Amino acid sequence: MSRPKNQNYKGHGLSKGKEREQRASIRFKTTLMNTLMDVLRHRPGWVEVKDEGEWDFYWCDVSWLRENFDHTYMDEHVRISHFRNHYELTRKNYMVKNLKRFRKQLDREAGKLEAAKCDFFPKTFEMPCEYHLFVEEFRKNPGITWIMKPVARSQGKGIFLFRRLKDIMDWRKDTRSSDDQKDDIPVENYVAQRYIENPYLIGGRKFDLRVYVLVMSYIPLRAWLYRDGFARFSNTRFTLNSIDDQYVHLTNVAVQKTSPDYHPKKGCKWMLQRFRQYLASKHGPEVVETLFRDIDNIFVKSLQSVQKVIISDKHCFELYGYDILIDQDLKPWLLEVNASPSLTASSQEDYELKTCLLEDTLHVVDMEARLTGREKRVGGFDLMWNDGPVSREEGVPDLSGMGNFVSNTHLGCINDRKKQLRQLFYSLQVQKKASS
């Protein structure tokens, strides 16, 4: 259970086994009214706590974490949905800073070939502090397209593309004037990032991939990859002739659903299984396997880049939403990592995916203490890293790079647990309606 740290609690010394015996139910708390609430309320033995009641499990927002984490006492079994300084990976400027530092470390310790495995993010500058470095780079490559993103906003807010230095100078003047008006409020930081001008297109439209990674610990690093995810498409055919049209360049659903020709029932998503099958039909299974191995590398290297700076509290876990762009050469690029990926459904298919994702997340978090700790698969999650790479096959993994080691990842493969969870969830809905 949780309580303010200044309150005494006589049960602090209970053994883990006794704690489990005394928990007849799991008390949960959340402020999110979306698919998450549906899943939590229908989970057997879980009871919702409101207001200031004591809780065992809290799917909180990051603002609550920032204000309350250091002042809350948590028993051994308590779990909370964010690491304290999650922003080291999920703020765009910190993510790039940590990746650049990690790449230099690999170059020193393992050589250039290993360091090159971190070359999956576009050239990026933090603004305004790296403005002069950006200008120097900009003048080396005149005519290319850049994209400006606020470091701590989501859903496409505040993003714009530009090709002229005048545009960025105007932005800089605007931020300075607004800073003067707001007195002590600091200017909002942005990143200026080289825009991927050659995205892989399907039906002439740009897309990116949303993929889910669940981290249960950073020390040691223990991470799970979810099989399901989706490709998010723009509503308008891609062109570089109109860089001001957000419906062409931004694939965020929050942006696309405001398009005049957006179809709510159709949406603008493909499930990852469909996307993988499409690529295999166009390029062959071997090419697709290579692409998805490169995507696996992005997950592992990005998590390793923050492993030593994230505060790995045993009470914390994190469900990250990775945004991956693929270019015409079938090279994947990391755009950003989300600490609070949207759990609101935009279609029935999306609803099914997210409810299954959350059910499986709760299975891995394992408040009920059902897992043995030796599992390599739980629902749609595959154990990707457990203080080292996890092999699909039983036995000792071959880390030399010369053997038949295949990582335990199945992104975009069939998730047979999905149908079972869907049937279970629907049966719970029917029971609820019958009892009301």
Protein backbone atom coordinates (compact mmCIF):
# COMPACT_ATOMS: atom_id res chain seq x y z
CA MET A 1 0.00 0.00 0.00
CA SER A 2 1.06 3.62 -0.33
CA ARG A 3 0.96 6.47 2.15
CA PRO A 4 2.77 9.76 2.84
CA LYS A 5 6.28 9.08 4.10
CA ASN A 6 5.77 10.85 7.41
CA GLN A 7 3.15 8.30 8.54
CA ASN A 8 4.16 5.24 10.58
CA TYR A 9 3.36 1.77 9.30
CA LYS A 10 3.80 -1.26 11.54
CA GLY A 11 3.62 -3.77 8.66
CA HIS A 12 6.78 -2.57 6.89
CA GLY A 13 8.76 -5.63 8.00
CA LEU A 14 6.35 -8.28 6.70
CA SER A 15 7.88 -10.94 4.50
CA LYS A 16 6.98 -10.96 0.82
CA GLY A 17 5.03 -14.22 1.21
CA LYS A 18 2.93 -12.85 4.05
CA GLU A 19 2.26 -9.64 2.14
CA ARG A 20 0.83 -11.72 -0.69
CA GLU A 21 -1.36 -13.75 1.65
CA GLN A 22 -2.84 -10.62 3.17
CA ARG A 23 -3.73 -9.05 -0.20
CA ALA A 24 -7.20 -10.37 -0.88
CA SER A 25 -7.58 -7.76 -3.63
CA ILE A 26 -5.48 -5.27 -5.58
CA ARG A 27 -6.41 -1.65 -4.96
CA PHE A 28 -5.77 0.41 -8.07
CA LYS A 29 -5.89 4.09 -8.87
CA THR A 30 -5.77 6.05 -12.11
CA THR A 31 -7.04 9.34 -13.50
CA LEU A 32 -7.09 8.15 -17.11
CA MET A 33 -10.59 7.57 -18.48
CA ASN A 34 -9.91 5.45 -21.57
CA THR A 35 -9.18 1.81 -22.42
CA LEU A 36 -6.99 1.64 -19.31
CA MET A 37 -9.95 2.23 -17.00
CA ASP A 38 -11.96 -0.43 -18.84
CA VAL A 39 -9.21 -3.00 -18.33
CA LEU A 40 -8.53 -2.14 -14.70
CA ARG A 41 -12.20 -2.22 -13.71
CA HIS A 42 -12.77 -5.61 -15.34
CA ARG A 43 -9.66 -7.28 -13.93
CA PRO A 44 -10.72 -9.98 -11.42
CA GLY A 45 -9.89 -9.09 -7.82
CA TRP A 46 -8.97 -5.47 -8.59
CA VAL A 47 -10.81 -2.69 -6.74
CA GLU A 48 -10.80 0.98 -7.67
CA VAL A 49 -9.59 3.53 -5.12
CA LYS A 50 -10.64 7.15 -5.40
CA ASP A 51 -9.46 10.40 -3.84
CA GLU A 52 -6.84 9.86 -1.12
CA GLY A 53 -7.43 6.17 -0.42
CA GLU A 54 -4.46 3.82 -0.07
CA TRP A 55 -3.51 1.95 -3.23
CA ASP A 56 -1.34 -0.95 -4.38
CA PHE A 57 -1.14 -0.04 -8.07
CA TYR A 58 -1.21 3.46 -9.57
CA TRP A 59 -1.19 4.21 -13.27
CA CYS A 60 -0.40 7.87 -12.76
CA ASP A 61 0.32 10.79 -15.05
CA VAL A 62 3.80 12.30 -15.09
CA SER A 63 2.69 15.49 -13.31
CA TRP A 64 1.59 13.45 -10.26
CA LEU A 65 4.91 11.61 -10.32
CA ARG A 66 6.88 14.86 -10.36
CA GLU A 67 4.96 16.33 -7.42
CA ASN A 68 4.41 13.27 -5.20
CA PHE A 69 6.87 10.43 -5.83
CA ASP A 70 9.51 11.60 -3.35
CA HIS A 71 6.90 12.08 -0.62
CA THR A 72 5.11 8.73 -0.91
CA TYR A 73 6.01 5.62 1.07
CA MET A 74 5.53 2.39 -0.86
CA ASP A 75 5.42 -1.17 0.42
CA GLU A 76 7.40 -3.92 -1.31
CA HIS A 77 4.56 -4.98 -3.59
CA VAL A 78 3.40 -1.51 -4.71
CA ARG A 79 3.82 -0.62 -8.39
CA ILE A 80 3.63 2.70 -10.22
CA SER A 81 3.61 3.32 -13.98
CA HIS A 82 6.64 5.59 -14.49
CA PHE A 83 10.28 5.78 -13.57
CA ARG A 84 11.06 8.94 -11.67
CA ASN A 85 13.26 10.54 -14.37
CA HIS A 86 11.67 8.85 -17.37
CA TYR A 87 12.23 12.10 -19.31
CA GLU A 88 15.87 11.11 -19.95
CA LEU A 89 14.46 8.96 -22.76
CA THR A 90 11.11 10.59 -23.49
CA ARG A 91 12.03 14.27 -23.83
CA LYS A 92 13.31 14.74 -27.36
CA ASN A 93 16.38 16.78 -26.41
CA TYR A 94 17.45 14.45 -23.58
CA MET A 95 16.92 11.38 -25.74
CA VAL A 96 19.29 12.72 -28.39
CA LYS A 97 21.81 13.92 -25.80
CA ASN A 98 21.93 10.45 -24.21
CA LEU A 99 22.16 8.68 -27.57
CA LYS A 100 25.03 10.93 -28.68
CA ARG A 101 26.88 10.29 -25.41
CA PHE A 102 26.30 6.54 -25.67
CA ARG A 103 27.53 6.48 -29.27
CA LYS A 104 30.77 8.19 -28.22
CA GLN A 105 31.16 5.71 -25.38
CA LEU A 106 30.74 2.77 -27.76
CA ASP A 107 33.26 4.31 -30.15
CA ARG A 108 35.84 4.51 -27.36
CA GLU A 109 35.16 1.12 -25.81
CA ALA A 110 34.04 -1.11 -28.69
CA GLY A 111 35.04 0.63 -31.91
CA LYS A 112 33.35 2.42 -34.78
CA LEU A 113 31.33 -0.57 -36.03
CA GLU A 114 29.55 -0.91 -32.69
CA ALA A 115 29.09 2.86 -32.42
CA ALA A 116 27.51 2.87 -35.89
CA LYS A 117 24.65 0.78 -34.47
CA CYS A 118 23.47 4.02 -32.84
CA ASP A 119 23.14 5.84 -36.16
CA PHE A 120 19.35 5.61 -36.20
CA PHE A 121 18.35 9.16 -35.27
CA PRO A 122 18.48 12.18 -37.60
CA LYS A 123 21.00 14.99 -37.06
CA THR A 124 19.50 17.04 -34.25
CA PHE A 125 20.21 20.33 -32.45
CA GLU A 126 18.65 21.63 -29.25
CA MET A 127 17.21 25.11 -29.60
CA PRO A 128 17.92 27.80 -28.64
CA CYS A 129 21.11 26.67 -26.82
CA GLU A 130 22.65 25.06 -29.95
CA TYR A 131 21.38 27.68 -32.35
CA HIS A 132 24.82 28.69 -33.61
CA LEU A 133 25.86 25.07 -34.18
CA PHE A 134 22.63 24.54 -36.08
CA VAL A 135 23.24 27.59 -38.29
CA GLU A 136 26.71 26.27 -39.14
CA GLU A 137 25.24 22.89 -40.17
CA PHE A 138 22.35 24.52 -42.01
CA ARG A 139 24.71 26.53 -44.21
CA LYS A 140 26.69 23.39 -45.11
CA ASN A 141 23.58 21.82 -46.68
CA PRO A 142 21.43 24.57 -48.21
CA GLY A 143 18.02 23.59 -49.54
CA ILE A 144 17.33 20.55 -47.37
CA THR A 145 14.26 20.34 -45.16
CA TRP A 146 14.36 20.60 -41.37
CA ILE A 147 11.65 20.00 -38.78
CA MET A 148 11.17 21.88 -35.51
CA LYS A 149 9.64 20.05 -32.53
CA PRO A 150 8.96 21.25 -28.98
CA VAL A 151 10.86 18.91 -26.66
CA ALA A 152 8.06 18.22 -24.18
CA ARG A 153 4.85 18.32 -26.21
CA SER A 154 3.03 15.51 -28.01
CA GLN A 155 0.32 14.83 -30.61
CA GLY A 156 2.06 16.99 -33.21
CA LYS A 157 1.59 20.24 -31.29
CA GLY A 158 3.99 23.05 -32.15
CA ILE A 159 5.74 21.18 -35.00
CA PHE A 160 6.65 22.89 -38.28
CA LEU A 161 8.93 22.27 -41.26
CA PHE A 162 11.27 24.84 -42.81
CA ARG A 163 13.97 25.30 -45.43
CA ARG A 164 14.97 28.94 -44.95
CA LEU A 165 17.14 30.30 -42.18
CA LYS A 166 14.77 33.26 -42.02
CA ASP A 167 12.02 30.94 -40.73
CA ILE A 168 14.12 29.84 -37.79
CA MET A 169 15.30 33.38 -37.11
CA ASP A 170 11.66 34.50 -37.00
CA TRP A 171 10.91 31.67 -34.56
CA ARG A 172 13.84 32.74 -32.40
CA LYS A 173 12.59 36.32 -32.30
CA ASP A 174 9.10 35.13 -31.38
CA THR A 175 10.39 33.01 -28.50
CA ARG A 176 12.49 35.90 -27.20
CA SER A 177 9.59 38.36 -27.27
CA SER A 178 7.22 35.89 -25.61
CA ASP A 179 9.88 35.27 -22.95
CA ASP A 180 9.99 38.99 -22.21
CA GLN A 181 6.22 39.06 -21.85
CA LYS A 182 6.17 36.10 -19.48
CA ASP A 183 8.87 37.57 -17.19
CA ASP A 184 10.40 34.63 -15.32
CA ILE A 185 8.86 31.83 -17.41
CA PRO A 186 11.71 30.26 -19.45
CA VAL A 187 11.53 29.95 -23.23
CA GLU A 188 10.22 26.59 -24.45
CA ASN A 189 13.00 24.38 -25.79
CA TYR A 190 12.76 22.85 -29.25
CA VAL A 191 14.86 20.51 -31.33
CA ALA A 192 15.74 21.26 -34.93
CA GLN A 193 16.04 17.93 -36.71
CA ARG A 194 16.95 17.01 -40.24
CA TYR A 195 13.73 15.92 -41.90
CA ILE A 196 13.68 12.46 -43.55
CA GLU A 197 12.91 13.54 -47.11
CA ASN A 198 12.69 10.03 -48.54
CA PRO A 199 10.17 8.15 -46.38
CA TYR A 200 8.93 4.75 -47.47
CA LEU A 201 5.46 5.28 -48.92
CA ILE A 202 2.47 2.99 -49.16
CA GLY A 203 -0.21 4.16 -51.55
CA GLY A 204 1.76 7.39 -51.90
CA ARG A 205 1.27 8.21 -48.22
CA LYS A 206 3.76 8.65 -45.40
CA PHE A 207 3.50 6.60 -42.20
CA ASP A 208 5.37 5.76 -39.05
CA LEU A 209 5.21 2.78 -36.69
CA ARG A 210 3.99 2.84 -33.08
CA VAL A 211 5.60 0.01 -31.13
CA TYR A 212 5.30 -0.80 -27.42
CA VAL A 213 8.21 -1.67 -25.12
CA LEU A 214 7.68 -2.50 -21.44
CA VAL A 215 10.63 -1.94 -19.09
CA MET A 216 10.38 -3.58 -15.67
CA SER A 217 13.87 -2.63 -14.48
CA TYR A 218 16.93 -0.69 -15.63
CA ILE A 219 19.39 -2.26 -13.17
CA PRO A 220 19.53 -4.91 -14.44
CA LEU A 221 17.86 -3.98 -17.71
CA ARG A 222 14.77 -6.14 -18.22
CA ALA A 223 12.62 -5.22 -21.22
CA TRP A 224 9.70 -6.78 -23.08
CA LEU A 225 8.60 -6.12 -26.67
CA TYR A 226 4.93 -6.31 -27.65
CA ARG A 227 4.07 -8.20 -30.85
CA ASP A 228 1.23 -5.90 -31.83
CA GLY A 229 1.42 -2.28 -32.85
CA PHE A 230 0.36 -0.24 -35.84
CA ALA A 231 1.43 1.91 -38.75
CA ARG A 232 -0.06 5.43 -38.63
CA PHE A 233 -0.70 6.93 -42.06
CA SER A 234 -1.12 10.47 -43.21
CA ASN A 235 -4.39 11.23 -44.93
CA THR A 236 -2.79 13.08 -47.84
CA ARG A 237 -0.32 11.87 -50.46
CA PHE A 238 3.27 12.74 -49.69
CA THR A 239 5.02 15.64 -51.42
CA LEU A 240 7.91 17.92 -50.55
CA ASN A 241 6.29 20.74 -52.51
CA SER A 242 4.04 21.66 -49.61
CA ILE A 243 5.99 21.63 -46.35
CA ASP A 244 3.31 23.67 -44.54
CA ASP A 245 0.62 21.00 -44.90
CA GLN A 246 0.55 19.06 -41.62
CA TYR A 247 -1.78 16.44 -43.10
CA VAL A 248 1.05 15.44 -45.47
CA HIS A 249 3.94 15.32 -43.02
CA LEU A 250 2.56 14.55 -39.53
CA THR A 251 1.16 11.08 -38.97
CA ASN A 252 -0.16 11.71 -35.44
CA VAL A 253 -3.77 10.56 -35.16
CA ALA A 254 -4.56 13.74 -33.19
CA VAL A 255 -3.57 15.69 -36.31
CA GLN A 256 -4.99 13.40 -38.98
CA LYS A 257 -8.46 13.13 -37.44
CA THR A 258 -8.95 16.87 -37.98
CA SER A 259 -8.46 16.42 -41.73
CA PRO A 260 -11.61 17.24 -43.77
CA ASP A 261 -11.57 13.84 -45.49
CA TYR A 262 -10.77 11.74 -42.40
CA HIS A 263 -13.01 8.65 -42.06
CA PRO A 264 -13.59 7.80 -38.36
CA LYS A 265 -14.61 4.19 -39.10
CA LYS A 266 -11.69 3.51 -41.43
CA GLY A 267 -9.17 5.50 -39.41
CA CYS A 268 -5.61 5.78 -40.69
CA LYS A 269 -3.90 2.74 -39.20
CA TRP A 270 -2.67 -0.67 -40.23
CA MET A 271 -1.95 -3.36 -37.67
CA LEU A 272 1.71 -4.40 -37.66
CA GLN A 273 0.87 -7.90 -38.89
CA ARG A 274 -0.68 -6.44 -42.02
CA PHE A 275 2.30 -4.11 -42.51
CA ARG A 276 4.81 -6.95 -42.13
CA GLN A 277 2.88 -9.12 -44.62
CA TYR A 278 2.80 -6.23 -47.11
CA LEU A 279 6.57 -5.72 -46.91
CA ALA A 280 7.22 -9.45 -47.25
CA SER A 281 5.10 -9.59 -50.42
CA LYS A 282 7.01 -6.62 -51.89
CA HIS A 283 10.58 -7.33 -50.77
CA GLY A 284 10.72 -10.92 -49.51
CA PRO A 285 10.90 -12.33 -45.97
CA GLU A 286 14.69 -12.05 -45.63
CA VAL A 287 14.64 -8.28 -46.24
CA VAL A 288 11.82 -7.92 -43.73
CA GLU A 289 13.72 -9.94 -41.11
CA THR A 290 16.72 -7.63 -41.56
CA LEU A 291 14.52 -4.54 -41.18
CA PHE A 292 12.90 -5.83 -38.00
CA ARG A 293 16.29 -6.79 -36.54
CA ASP A 294 17.39 -3.20 -37.16
CA ILE A 295 14.27 -2.02 -35.33
CA ASP A 296 15.09 -4.37 -32.42
CA ASN A 297 18.52 -2.73 -32.29
CA ILE A 298 16.86 0.68 -31.84
CA PHE A 299 14.97 -0.53 -28.78
CA VAL A 300 18.01 -2.08 -27.12
CA LYS A 301 20.50 0.71 -27.85
CA SER A 302 18.10 3.47 -26.81
CA LEU A 303 17.40 1.75 -23.49
CA GLN A 304 21.10 1.11 -22.91
CA SER A 305 21.81 4.78 -23.58
CA VAL A 306 19.81 5.78 -20.47
CA GLN A 307 20.43 2.70 -18.34
CA LYS A 308 22.95 4.46 -16.09
CA VAL A 309 20.99 7.69 -15.72
CA ILE A 310 17.44 6.42 -15.13
CA ILE A 311 16.67 5.97 -11.43
CA SER A 312 15.72 2.28 -11.38
CA ASP A 313 13.29 2.13 -8.47
CA LYS A 314 11.92 -1.39 -7.86
CA HIS A 315 8.37 -0.01 -7.59
CA CYS A 316 8.42 1.43 -11.12
CA PHE A 317 7.71 0.11 -14.58
CA GLU A 318 7.21 1.93 -17.87
CA LEU A 319 5.22 1.20 -21.00
CA TYR A 320 6.94 3.19 -23.76
CA GLY A 321 5.46 4.05 -27.14
CA TYR A 322 8.24 4.11 -29.76
CA ASP A 323 7.71 6.04 -33.00
CA ILE A 324 9.78 4.60 -35.87
CA LEU A 325 10.01 5.97 -39.42
CA ILE A 326 11.23 3.81 -42.32
CA ASP A 327 12.88 5.38 -45.36
CA GLN A 328 12.97 4.20 -48.99
CA ASP A 329 16.17 2.25 -48.30
CA LEU A 330 14.31 0.32 -45.57
CA LYS A 331 16.39 1.96 -42.86
CA PRO A 332 14.46 2.58 -39.62
CA TRP A 333 14.80 5.92 -37.82
CA LEU A 334 13.85 6.67 -34.22
CA LEU A 335 11.65 9.77 -34.11
CA GLU A 336 10.76 9.81 -30.41
CA VAL A 337 9.83 7.72 -27.38
CA ASN A 338 6.59 8.45 -25.53
CA ALA A 339 6.22 8.01 -21.76
CA SER A 340 2.44 8.25 -22.02
CA PRO A 341 1.46 6.67 -25.35
CA SER A 342 -2.18 7.29 -26.17
CA LEU A 343 -4.51 4.68 -24.71
CA THR A 344 -7.59 6.20 -26.32
CA ALA A 345 -8.99 4.06 -29.15
CA SER A 346 -9.63 5.60 -32.56
CA SER A 347 -11.42 2.51 -33.97
CA GLN A 348 -12.74 -0.89 -32.87
CA GLU A 349 -9.53 -2.57 -34.02
CA ASP A 350 -7.51 0.01 -32.10
CA TYR A 351 -9.65 -0.62 -28.99
CA GLU A 352 -9.01 -4.35 -29.18
CA LEU A 353 -5.26 -3.83 -29.58
CA LYS A 354 -4.98 -1.46 -26.61
CA THR A 355 -7.14 -3.48 -24.24
CA CYS A 356 -5.07 -6.59 -25.02
CA LEU A 357 -1.84 -4.58 -24.64
CA LEU A 358 -2.91 -3.35 -21.21
CA GLU A 359 -4.12 -6.77 -20.06
CA ASP A 360 -0.75 -8.24 -20.99
CA THR A 361 1.09 -5.33 -19.34
CA LEU A 362 -0.70 -6.12 -16.09
CA HIS A 363 0.20 -9.81 -16.51
CA VAL A 364 3.90 -8.91 -16.78
CA VAL A 365 3.77 -6.42 -13.89
CA ASP A 366 2.24 -9.37 -12.00
CA MET A 367 0.61 -7.80 -8.96
CA GLU A 368 -0.98 -11.20 -8.30
CA ALA A 369 2.48 -12.84 -8.06
CA ARG A 370 1.68 -15.63 -10.52
CA LEU A 371 4.86 -15.61 -12.63
CA THR A 372 7.91 -17.72 -11.91
CA GLY A 373 10.43 -15.19 -13.28
CA ARG A 374 11.60 -17.63 -15.97
CA GLU A 375 8.99 -16.71 -18.60
CA LYS A 376 10.15 -15.62 -22.04
CA ARG A 377 6.64 -14.86 -23.22
CA VAL A 378 3.64 -13.44 -21.39
CA GLY A 379 0.57 -12.86 -23.55
CA GLY A 380 1.68 -10.71 -26.48
CA PHE A 381 4.94 -9.69 -24.80
CA ASP A 382 8.26 -11.37 -25.57
CA LEU A 383 11.20 -10.94 -23.21
CA MET A 384 13.70 -9.03 -25.34
CA TRP A 385 16.48 -8.26 -22.86
CA ASN A 386 17.19 -9.71 -19.42
CA ASP A 387 20.56 -8.27 -18.35
CA GLY A 388 21.66 -9.44 -21.79
CA PRO A 389 20.04 -10.56 -25.04
CA VAL A 390 17.37 -13.26 -24.86
CA SER A 391 17.40 -15.98 -27.51
CA ARG A 392 14.31 -17.44 -29.15
CA GLU A 393 15.78 -20.89 -28.64
CA GLU A 394 16.49 -22.58 -25.33
CA GLY A 395 20.10 -22.84 -24.26
CA VAL A 396 23.01 -20.47 -23.82
CA PRO A 397 22.90 -17.56 -26.29
CA ASP A 398 25.77 -17.15 -28.71
CA LEU A 399 27.07 -13.58 -28.17
CA SER A 400 29.94 -13.85 -30.64
CA GLY A 401 27.81 -12.78 -33.56
CA MET A 402 29.04 -15.78 -35.54
CA GLY A 403 26.51 -18.42 -34.51
CA ASN A 404 22.77 -18.91 -34.92
CA PHE A 405 21.62 -16.55 -32.17
CA VAL A 406 18.18 -15.08 -32.95
CA SER A 407 16.74 -12.56 -30.54
CA ASN A 408 13.50 -13.37 -28.79
CA THR A 409 11.45 -10.76 -30.64
CA HIS A 410 8.37 -11.35 -32.76
CA LEU A 411 7.27 -7.83 -33.71
CA GLY A 412 4.41 -7.98 -36.21
CA CYS A 413 4.04 -11.76 -35.86
CA ILE A 414 0.72 -13.40 -35.07
CA ASN A 415 -0.36 -12.91 -31.47
CA ASP A 416 -2.61 -15.87 -30.71
CA ARG A 417 -3.23 -14.58 -27.20
CA LYS A 418 -5.01 -11.55 -28.61
CA LYS A 419 -8.16 -13.47 -29.52
CA GLN A 420 -8.30 -15.15 -26.11
CA LEU A 421 -8.02 -11.84 -24.30
CA ARG A 422 -10.60 -10.27 -26.58
CA GLN A 423 -13.08 -13.07 -25.80
CA LEU A 424 -12.39 -12.77 -22.07
CA PHE A 425 -12.89 -9.02 -22.12
CA TYR A 426 -16.16 -9.26 -24.05
CA SER A 427 -17.48 -11.91 -21.63
CA LEU A 428 -16.74 -9.55 -18.73
CA GLN A 429 -18.64 -6.79 -20.53
CA VAL A 430 -21.63 -9.09 -20.96
CA GLN A 431 -21.52 -10.02 -17.27
CA LYS A 432 -21.45 -6.37 -16.29
CA LYS A 433 -24.48 -5.54 -18.46
CA ALA A 434 -26.39 -8.53 -17.09
CA SER A 435 -25.79 -7.50 -13.49
CA SER A 436 -26.74 -3.84 -14.04
